[in-house]
Amino acid sequence: MSRKRALIADTFCLTKRRRCAADSVTDGAADIRSSLQYLMTMFSRKLFNDSLPPVVLKHQLYSLHNDKTSVDKQVNELRENGELLMFQLGFDSEAFALVFAEDYRTKVLQGEAGRETLGTVEKFLAKLIPGCSDLSFNKEKMLKEFLFTDPEITQLVKSGVLTVRDAGSWWLSIPNSGKFIKYFIKGRKAVLGVVKKSKYGEILKTELEGRRTTSQVKFQMKYHIHDIMGAELVECIQTTSGTLLRYVDGNVN
């Protein structure tokens, strides 16, 4: 695509700059659920020896749905209904992981099989999954509402379902998710690098999808494309040739 053509497309683009739901669908709880299932098909279970549940970043949904507020509302509804769990990943205050509750339960119990912490973890899951939408828990809630003892809280941290947030509070966590975060960040940097190094710092989405990945990219290319689009790390411009992704100067990744 010529520079002139790209600039014309940019001038007449009616969508908000840096926001683009190129494959947008009608918003609603059922549609959000379907979008989650679609994105989870791109999650590479084999990378983690099938020890992790499929993980999607909430902002990846923004690449599929135009109405960000509606996405957040429907995600919260699924959380309150006990279908979906959300986790703060730590590498970015705006990065929230989404996992279906039953997938989480299955993988956590699979990892706990035969361990002395199994009973405590089962008790925690029984409290959590029916409809707890908390991202973190303070000591008062753990002791008085969930009825855990200090030694049991220690077991939950040891098992990986909780991580320390600060003194007397804990984040809900995905056990063994450290490798996922490492691969995700490296892949994001690599894919953004491809966009930046393209002519004029822009590339058609379809062309990027077809690029051969490097060793830094462990997930499917589409998984990372939905990430950089939803996180607004690229500008999305609709053209007659398809969606053009343009690198945004000043990205810190």
C-alpha atoms as a PDB file:
ATOM      1  CA  MET A   1       0.000   0.000   0.000  1.00  0.00           C
ATOM      2  CA  SER A   2       1.324   3.458  -0.933  1.00  0.00           C
ATOM      3  CA  ARG A   3       1.893   6.096   1.711  1.00  0.00           C
ATOM      4  CA  LYS A   4      -0.592   8.389  -0.067  1.00  0.00           C
ATOM      5  CA  ARG A   5      -3.314   5.754  -0.060  1.00  0.00           C
ATOM      6  CA  ALA A   6      -2.773   5.040   3.633  1.00  0.00           C
ATOM      7  CA  LEU A   7      -3.046   8.743   4.465  1.00  0.00           C
ATOM      8  CA  ILE A   8      -6.288   9.068   2.510  1.00  0.00           C
ATOM      9  CA  ALA A   9      -7.695   6.072   4.339  1.00  0.00           C
ATOM     10  CA  ASP A  10      -6.610   7.617   7.642  1.00  0.00           C
ATOM     11  CA  THR A  11      -8.282  10.938   6.792  1.00  0.00           C
ATOM     12  CA  PHE A  12     -11.644   9.331   6.100  1.00  0.00           C
ATOM     13  CA  CYS A  13     -11.523   6.752   8.901  1.00  0.00           C
ATOM     14  CA  LEU A  14     -14.561   7.400  11.091  1.00  0.00           C
ATOM     15  CA  THR A  15     -13.524   5.135  13.932  1.00  0.00           C
ATOM     16  CA  LYS A  16     -11.712   6.518  16.982  1.00  0.00           C
ATOM     17  CA  ARG A  17      -7.967   6.553  16.467  1.00  0.00           C
ATOM     18  CA  ARG A  18      -6.148   3.685  18.163  1.00  0.00           C
ATOM     19  CA  ARG A  19      -9.466   1.841  18.616  1.00  0.00           C
ATOM     20  CA  CYS A  20     -10.651  -0.681  16.082  1.00  0.00           C
ATOM     21  CA  ALA A  21     -12.962  -3.655  16.317  1.00  0.00           C
ATOM     22  CA  ALA A  22     -12.220  -4.942  12.849  1.00  0.00           C
ATOM     23  CA  ASP A  23     -14.351  -8.052  13.259  1.00  0.00           C
ATOM     24  CA  SER A  24     -16.990  -6.454  15.495  1.00  0.00           C
ATOM     25  CA  VAL A  25     -20.090  -8.350  16.491  1.00  0.00           C
ATOM     26  CA  THR A  26     -23.257  -7.472  18.380  1.00  0.00           C
ATOM     27  CA  ASP A  27     -22.627  -7.036  22.087  1.00  0.00           C
ATOM     28  CA  GLY A  28     -24.350  -9.241  24.643  1.00  0.00           C
ATOM     29  CA  ALA A  29     -23.527 -11.889  27.206  1.00  0.00           C
ATOM     30  CA  ALA A  30     -23.928 -14.729  24.706  1.00  0.00           C
ATOM     31  CA  ASP A  31     -21.735 -12.930  22.161  1.00  0.00           C
ATOM     32  CA  ILE A  32     -19.064 -12.184  24.775  1.00  0.00           C
ATOM     33  CA  ARG A  33     -19.079 -15.843  25.786  1.00  0.00           C
ATOM     34  CA  SER A  34     -18.692 -16.867  22.141  1.00  0.00           C
ATOM     35  CA  SER A  35     -15.879 -14.357  21.663  1.00  0.00           C
ATOM     36  CA  LEU A  36     -14.079 -15.731  24.711  1.00  0.00           C
ATOM     37  CA  GLN A  37     -14.414 -19.247  23.350  1.00  0.00           C
ATOM     38  CA  TYR A  38     -13.101 -18.079  19.971  1.00  0.00           C
ATOM     39  CA  LEU A  39     -10.055 -16.367  21.493  1.00  0.00           C
ATOM     40  CA  MET A  40      -9.370 -19.368  23.716  1.00  0.00           C
ATOM     41  CA  THR A  41      -9.003 -21.585  20.638  1.00  0.00           C
ATOM     42  CA  MET A  42      -5.800 -19.602  19.978  1.00  0.00           C
ATOM     43  CA  PHE A  43      -4.348 -20.405  23.403  1.00  0.00           C
ATOM     44  CA  SER A  44      -1.493 -22.907  23.097  1.00  0.00           C
ATOM     45  CA  ARG A  45      -2.117 -25.524  25.794  1.00  0.00           C
ATOM     46  CA  LYS A  46       0.799 -27.682  24.666  1.00  0.00           C
ATOM     47  CA  LEU A  47       3.247 -24.918  25.625  1.00  0.00           C
ATOM     48  CA  PHE A  48       2.388 -25.581  29.255  1.00  0.00           C
ATOM     49  CA  ASN A  49       1.923 -29.366  29.072  1.00  0.00           C
ATOM     50  CA  ASP A  50      -1.834 -28.780  29.443  1.00  0.00           C
ATOM     51  CA  SER A  51      -1.298 -27.546  33.006  1.00  0.00           C
ATOM     52  CA  LEU A  52      -2.981 -24.168  32.459  1.00  0.00           C
ATOM     53  CA  PRO A  53      -6.596 -23.376  31.595  1.00  0.00           C
ATOM     54  CA  PRO A  54      -7.111 -21.340  28.407  1.00  0.00           C
ATOM     55  CA  VAL A  55      -6.399 -17.681  29.203  1.00  0.00           C
ATOM     56  CA  VAL A  56      -7.701 -14.579  27.427  1.00  0.00           C
ATOM     57  CA  LEU A  57      -6.857 -10.951  28.231  1.00  0.00           C
ATOM     58  CA  LYS A  58      -9.961  -8.826  28.745  1.00  0.00           C
ATOM     59  CA  HIS A  59      -8.744  -6.160  26.334  1.00  0.00           C
ATOM     60  CA  GLN A  60      -8.539  -8.759  23.557  1.00  0.00           C
ATOM     61  CA  LEU A  61     -12.348  -8.666  23.554  1.00  0.00           C
ATOM     62  CA  TYR A  62     -12.176  -4.981  22.620  1.00  0.00           C
ATOM     63  CA  SER A  63     -10.680  -6.006  19.277  1.00  0.00           C
ATOM     64  CA  LEU A  64     -13.925  -7.881  18.515  1.00  0.00           C
ATOM     65  CA  HIS A  65     -16.543  -5.568  20.026  1.00  0.00           C
ATOM     66  CA  ASN A  66     -16.999  -1.849  19.399  1.00  0.00           C
ATOM     67  CA  ASP A  67     -18.636  -1.015  22.725  1.00  0.00           C
ATOM     68  CA  LYS A  68     -15.992  -1.245  25.441  1.00  0.00           C
ATOM     69  CA  THR A  69     -18.472  -0.356  28.207  1.00  0.00           C
ATOM     70  CA  SER A  70     -20.818  -3.121  27.096  1.00  0.00           C
ATOM     71  CA  VAL A  71     -17.947  -5.626  27.069  1.00  0.00           C
ATOM     72  CA  ASP A  72     -17.037  -4.731  30.647  1.00  0.00           C
ATOM     73  CA  LYS A  73     -20.683  -5.006  31.704  1.00  0.00           C
ATOM     74  CA  GLN A  74     -21.169  -8.429  30.141  1.00  0.00           C
ATOM     75  CA  VAL A  75     -17.852  -9.706  31.507  1.00  0.00           C
ATOM     76  CA  ASN A  76     -18.915  -8.624  35.001  1.00  0.00           C
ATOM     77  CA  GLU A  77     -22.255 -10.357  34.529  1.00  0.00           C
ATOM     78  CA  LEU A  78     -20.509 -13.619  33.640  1.00  0.00           C
ATOM     79  CA  ARG A  79     -18.269 -13.190  36.696  1.00  0.00           C
ATOM     80  CA  GLU A  80     -21.191 -12.547  39.011  1.00  0.00           C
ATOM     81  CA  ASN A  81     -22.957 -15.611  37.630  1.00  0.00           C
ATOM     82  CA  GLY A  82     -19.947 -17.729  38.511  1.00  0.00           C
ATOM     83  CA  GLU A  83     -19.068 -18.590  34.900  1.00  0.00           C
ATOM     84  CA  LEU A  84     -15.928 -16.488  34.602  1.00  0.00           C
ATOM     85  CA  LEU A  85     -12.977 -15.573  36.811  1.00  0.00           C
ATOM     86  CA  MET A  86     -10.745 -12.525  36.392  1.00  0.00           C
ATOM     87  CA  PHE A  87      -7.123 -12.105  37.493  1.00  0.00           C
ATOM     88  CA  GLN A  88      -4.740  -9.140  37.766  1.00  0.00           C
ATOM     89  CA  LEU A  89      -1.575 -10.285  35.998  1.00  0.00           C
ATOM     90  CA  GLY A  90       0.872  -7.863  37.564  1.00  0.00           C
ATOM     91  CA  PHE A  91       2.970  -6.813  34.561  1.00  0.00           C
ATOM     92  CA  ASP A  92       0.420  -4.109  33.688  1.00  0.00           C
ATOM     93  CA  SER A  93      -2.245  -2.557  35.936  1.00  0.00           C
ATOM     94  CA  GLU A  94      -4.671  -2.684  32.998  1.00  0.00           C
ATOM     95  CA  ALA A  95      -3.975  -6.322  32.087  1.00  0.00           C
ATOM     96  CA  PHE A  96      -6.699  -8.637  33.342  1.00  0.00           C
ATOM     97  CA  ALA A  97      -6.811 -12.334  32.502  1.00  0.00           C
ATOM     98  CA  LEU A  98     -10.125 -14.124  32.002  1.00  0.00           C
ATOM     99  CA  VAL A  99     -10.615 -17.850  32.568  1.00  0.00           C
ATOM    100  CA  PHE A 100     -13.802 -19.890  32.600  1.00  0.00           C
ATOM    101  CA  ALA A 101     -14.462 -20.974  36.184  1.00  0.00           C
ATOM    102  CA  GLU A 102     -14.839 -24.657  35.400  1.00  0.00           C
ATOM    103  CA  ASP A 103     -11.613 -24.687  33.385  1.00  0.00           C
ATOM    104  CA  TYR A 104      -9.865 -23.068  36.338  1.00  0.00           C
ATOM    105  CA  ARG A 105     -11.305 -25.592  38.789  1.00  0.00           C
ATOM    106  CA  THR A 106     -10.305 -28.515  36.583  1.00  0.00           C
ATOM    107  CA  LYS A 107      -6.687 -27.409  36.101  1.00  0.00           C
ATOM    108  CA  VAL A 108      -6.183 -26.363  39.725  1.00  0.00           C
ATOM    109  CA  LEU A 109      -7.456 -29.691  41.045  1.00  0.00           C
ATOM    110  CA  GLN A 110      -5.416 -31.540  38.416  1.00  0.00           C
ATOM    111  CA  GLY A 111      -2.298 -29.816  39.708  1.00  0.00           C
ATOM    112  CA  GLU A 112      -3.215 -30.469  43.341  1.00  0.00           C
ATOM    113  CA  ALA A 113      -3.797 -34.215  42.945  1.00  0.00           C
ATOM    114  CA  GLY A 114      -1.936 -36.096  45.680  1.00  0.00           C
ATOM    115  CA  ARG A 115      -0.738 -32.970  47.497  1.00  0.00           C
ATOM    116  CA  GLU A 116      -1.358 -32.161  51.140  1.00  0.00           C
ATOM    117  CA  THR A 117      -2.880 -28.821  50.160  1.00  0.00           C
ATOM    118  CA  LEU A 118      -5.700 -30.460  48.126  1.00  0.00           C
ATOM    119  CA  GLY A 119      -8.354 -30.281  50.848  1.00  0.00           C
ATOM    120  CA  THR A 120      -7.728 -26.610  51.549  1.00  0.00           C
ATOM    121  CA  VAL A 121      -7.761 -25.770  47.838  1.00  0.00           C
ATOM    122  CA  GLU A 122     -11.041 -27.648  47.344  1.00  0.00           C
ATOM    123  CA  LYS A 123     -12.551 -25.651  50.211  1.00  0.00           C
ATOM    124  CA  PHE A 124     -11.343 -22.406  48.620  1.00  0.00           C
ATOM    125  CA  LEU A 125     -12.782 -23.299  45.216  1.00  0.00           C
ATOM    126  CA  ALA A 126     -16.127 -24.125  46.822  1.00  0.00           C
ATOM    127  CA  LYS A 127     -16.197 -20.596  48.271  1.00  0.00           C
ATOM    128  CA  LEU A 128     -14.886 -18.914  45.131  1.00  0.00           C
ATOM    129  CA  ILE A 129     -16.669 -20.335  42.113  1.00  0.00           C
ATOM    130  CA  PRO A 130     -20.377 -20.034  42.991  1.00  0.00           C
ATOM    131  CA  GLY A 131     -20.211 -16.306  42.299  1.00  0.00           C
ATOM    132  CA  CYS A 132     -17.308 -14.557  43.998  1.00  0.00           C
ATOM    133  CA  SER A 133     -16.083 -11.811  41.660  1.00  0.00           C
ATOM    134  CA  ASP A 134     -13.264 -10.503  43.842  1.00  0.00           C
ATOM    135  CA  LEU A 135      -9.811  -9.942  42.372  1.00  0.00           C
ATOM    136  CA  SER A 136      -8.192  -9.955  45.801  1.00  0.00           C
ATOM    137  CA  PHE A 137      -8.986 -10.881  49.392  1.00  0.00           C
ATOM    138  CA  ASN A 138      -8.038  -9.242  52.688  1.00  0.00           C
ATOM    139  CA  LYS A 139      -7.297 -11.137  55.853  1.00  0.00           C
ATOM    140  CA  GLU A 140     -10.605 -10.258  57.471  1.00  0.00           C
ATOM    141  CA  LYS A 141     -12.581 -11.780  54.609  1.00  0.00           C
ATOM    142  CA  MET A 142     -10.408 -14.888  54.506  1.00  0.00           C
ATOM    143  CA  LEU A 143     -10.727 -15.463  58.268  1.00  0.00           C
ATOM    144  CA  LYS A 144     -14.263 -14.305  59.047  1.00  0.00           C
ATOM    145  CA  GLU A 145     -16.231 -14.845  55.833  1.00  0.00           C
ATOM    146  CA  PHE A 146     -14.407 -17.731  54.190  1.00  0.00           C
ATOM    147  CA  LEU A 147     -13.453 -19.231  57.576  1.00  0.00           C
ATOM    148  CA  PHE A 148      -9.860 -20.067  56.733  1.00  0.00           C
ATOM    149  CA  THR A 149      -7.106 -20.279  59.333  1.00  0.00           C
ATOM    150  CA  ASP A 150      -3.701 -18.639  58.944  1.00  0.00           C
ATOM    151  CA  PRO A 151      -2.039 -22.003  58.164  1.00  0.00           C
ATOM    152  CA  GLU A 152      -4.676 -22.674  55.486  1.00  0.00           C
ATOM    153  CA  ILE A 153      -4.039 -19.285  53.876  1.00  0.00           C
ATOM    154  CA  THR A 154      -0.363 -20.212  53.771  1.00  0.00           C
ATOM    155  CA  GLN A 155      -1.326 -23.451  51.994  1.00  0.00           C
ATOM    156  CA  LEU A 156      -3.358 -21.517  49.420  1.00  0.00           C
ATOM    157  CA  VAL A 157      -0.352 -19.312  48.686  1.00  0.00           C
ATOM    158  CA  LYS A 158       1.849 -22.386  48.428  1.00  0.00           C
ATOM    159  CA  SER A 159      -0.572 -23.972  45.967  1.00  0.00           C
ATOM    160  CA  GLY A 160      -0.564 -20.855  43.787  1.00  0.00           C
ATOM    161  CA  VAL A 161      -4.273 -19.949  43.906  1.00  0.00           C
ATOM    162  CA  LEU A 162      -3.308 -16.870  45.942  1.00  0.00           C
ATOM    163  CA  THR A 163      -0.297 -14.580  45.646  1.00  0.00           C
ATOM    164  CA  VAL A 164       0.705 -11.907  48.114  1.00  0.00           C
ATOM    165  CA  ARG A 165      -0.595  -8.446  47.243  1.00  0.00           C
ATOM    166  CA  ASP A 166       0.644  -6.708  50.374  1.00  0.00           C
ATOM    167  CA  ALA A 167       0.641  -7.337  54.117  1.00  0.00           C
ATOM    168  CA  GLY A 168      -2.694  -8.955  54.936  1.00  0.00           C
ATOM    169  CA  SER A 169      -4.110  -9.236  51.417  1.00  0.00           C
ATOM    170  CA  TRP A 170      -3.756 -11.599  48.445  1.00  0.00           C
ATOM    171  CA  TRP A 171      -4.479 -11.610  44.731  1.00  0.00           C
ATOM    172  CA  LEU A 172      -6.488 -14.429  43.204  1.00  0.00           C
ATOM    173  CA  SER A 173      -3.988 -16.233  40.985  1.00  0.00           C
ATOM    174  CA  ILE A 174      -3.586 -18.843  38.262  1.00  0.00           C
ATOM    175  CA  PRO A 175      -1.090 -21.461  39.464  1.00  0.00           C
ATOM    176  CA  ASN A 176       2.014 -21.797  37.269  1.00  0.00           C
ATOM    177  CA  SER A 177       1.105 -18.738  35.176  1.00  0.00           C
ATOM    178  CA  GLY A 178       4.602 -17.244  35.291  1.00  0.00           C
ATOM    179  CA  LYS A 179       5.657 -18.892  32.035  1.00  0.00           C
ATOM    180  CA  PHE A 180       2.474 -17.689  30.333  1.00  0.00           C
ATOM    181  CA  ILE A 181       3.211 -14.082  31.318  1.00  0.00           C
ATOM    182  CA  LYS A 182       6.812 -14.423  30.125  1.00  0.00           C
ATOM    183  CA  TYR A 183       5.797 -15.817  26.723  1.00  0.00           C
ATOM    184  CA  PHE A 184       2.963 -13.308  26.352  1.00  0.00           C
ATOM    185  CA  ILE A 185       5.198 -10.275  26.942  1.00  0.00           C
ATOM    186  CA  LYS A 186       7.947 -11.564  24.639  1.00  0.00           C
ATOM    187  CA  GLY A 187       5.419 -12.344  21.912  1.00  0.00           C
ATOM    188  CA  ARG A 188       3.797  -8.919  22.193  1.00  0.00           C
ATOM    189  CA  LYS A 189       7.179  -7.204  21.809  1.00  0.00           C
ATOM    190  CA  ALA A 190       8.069  -9.339  18.812  1.00  0.00           C
ATOM    191  CA  VAL A 191       4.780  -8.741  16.995  1.00  0.00           C
ATOM    192  CA  LEU A 192       4.912  -4.999  17.671  1.00  0.00           C
ATOM    193  CA  GLY A 193       8.449  -5.091  16.323  1.00  0.00           C
ATOM    194  CA  VAL A 194       7.187  -6.538  13.051  1.00  0.00           C
ATOM    195  CA  VAL A 195       4.671  -3.709  12.708  1.00  0.00           C
ATOM    196  CA  LYS A 196       7.262  -1.051  13.578  1.00  0.00           C
ATOM    197  CA  LYS A 197       9.816  -2.393  11.086  1.00  0.00           C
ATOM    198  CA  SER A 198       7.288  -2.573   8.237  1.00  0.00           C
ATOM    199  CA  LYS A 199       7.315   0.181   5.597  1.00  0.00           C
ATOM    200  CA  TYR A 200       6.005   3.404   7.163  1.00  0.00           C
ATOM    201  CA  GLY A 201       5.442   1.417  10.382  1.00  0.00           C
ATOM    202  CA  GLU A 202       2.211  -0.093   9.107  1.00  0.00           C
ATOM    203  CA  ILE A 203       1.018  -3.441   7.814  1.00  0.00           C
ATOM    204  CA  LEU A 204      -2.250  -5.013   6.736  1.00  0.00           C
ATOM    205  CA  LYS A 205      -3.756  -7.212   9.417  1.00  0.00           C
ATOM    206  CA  THR A 206      -4.128 -10.096   6.949  1.00  0.00           C
ATOM    207  CA  GLU A 207      -0.456  -9.820   5.986  1.00  0.00           C
ATOM    208  CA  LEU A 208       0.620  -9.848   9.629  1.00  0.00           C
ATOM    209  CA  GLU A 209      -1.537 -12.901  10.291  1.00  0.00           C
ATOM    210  CA  GLY A 210       0.319 -14.742   7.549  1.00  0.00           C
ATOM    211  CA  ARG A 211       3.820 -13.839   8.710  1.00  0.00           C
ATOM    212  CA  ARG A 212       6.089 -16.662   9.857  1.00  0.00           C
ATOM    213  CA  THR A 213       6.624 -16.315  13.581  1.00  0.00           C
ATOM    214  CA  THR A 214      10.007 -16.153  15.287  1.00  0.00           C
ATOM    215  CA  SER A 215      11.124 -18.135  18.314  1.00  0.00           C
ATOM    216  CA  GLN A 216       9.948 -15.214  20.466  1.00  0.00           C
ATOM    217  CA  VAL A 217       6.330 -15.801  19.441  1.00  0.00           C
ATOM    218  CA  LYS A 218       4.975 -18.887  21.149  1.00  0.00           C
ATOM    219  CA  PHE A 219       1.259 -18.247  20.633  1.00  0.00           C
ATOM    220  CA  GLN A 220      -0.686 -18.038  17.402  1.00  0.00           C
ATOM    221  CA  MET A 221      -0.106 -14.742  15.615  1.00  0.00           C
ATOM    222  CA  LYS A 222      -3.827 -13.945  15.802  1.00  0.00           C
ATOM    223  CA  TYR A 223      -3.705 -14.186  19.602  1.00  0.00           C
ATOM    224  CA  HIS A 224      -1.116 -11.413  19.708  1.00  0.00           C
ATOM    225  CA  ILE A 225      -2.872  -9.356  17.048  1.00  0.00           C
ATOM    226  CA  HIS A 226      -6.040  -9.286  19.153  1.00  0.00           C
ATOM    227  CA  ASP A 227      -3.820  -8.219  22.054  1.00  0.00           C
ATOM    228  CA  ILE A 228      -2.138  -5.266  20.356  1.00  0.00           C
ATOM    229  CA  MET A 229      -5.419  -4.127  18.799  1.00  0.00           C
ATOM    230  CA  GLY A 230      -7.440  -4.377  21.985  1.00  0.00           C
ATOM    231  CA  ALA A 231      -4.702  -2.737  24.079  1.00  0.00           C
ATOM    232  CA  GLU A 232      -4.550   0.118  21.518  1.00  0.00           C
ATOM    233  CA  LEU A 233      -0.846  -0.426  20.886  1.00  0.00           C
ATOM    234  CA  VAL A 234      -1.537   0.050  17.183  1.00  0.00           C
ATOM    235  CA  GLU A 235      -3.877   2.319  15.264  1.00  0.00           C
ATOM    236  CA  CYS A 236      -6.440   0.435  13.206  1.00  0.00           C
ATOM    237  CA  ILE A 237      -7.455   1.965   9.904  1.00  0.00           C
ATOM    238  CA  GLN A 238     -10.130   0.567   7.625  1.00  0.00           C
ATOM    239  CA  THR A 239      -9.063   0.531   3.982  1.00  0.00           C
ATOM    240  CA  THR A 240     -10.389  -1.054   0.811  1.00  0.00           C
ATOM    241  CA  SER A 241      -7.655  -3.683   1.225  1.00  0.00           C
ATOM    242  CA  GLY A 242      -8.690  -4.520   4.799  1.00  0.00           C
ATOM    243  CA  THR A 243      -7.631  -3.373   8.249  1.00  0.00           C
ATOM    244  CA  LEU A 244      -4.307  -1.555   8.348  1.00  0.00           C
ATOM    245  CA  LEU A 245      -2.341  -1.690  11.607  1.00  0.00           C
ATOM    246  CA  ARG A 246      -0.081   1.275  12.280  1.00  0.00           C
ATOM    247  CA  TYR A 247       2.601   1.342  14.983  1.00  0.00           C
ATOM    248  CA  VAL A 248       2.027   3.974  17.662  1.00  0.00           C
ATOM    249  CA  ASP A 249       5.150   5.932  18.583  1.00  0.00           C
ATOM    250  CA  GLY A 250       5.869   6.005  22.292  1.00  0.00           C
ATOM    251  CA  ASN A 251       4.813   2.427  23.074  1.00  0.00           C
ATOM    252  CA  VAL A 252       6.496   1.113  26.214  1.00  0.00           C
ATOM    253  CA  ASN A 253       6.352  -2.706  26.189  1.00  0.00           C
END
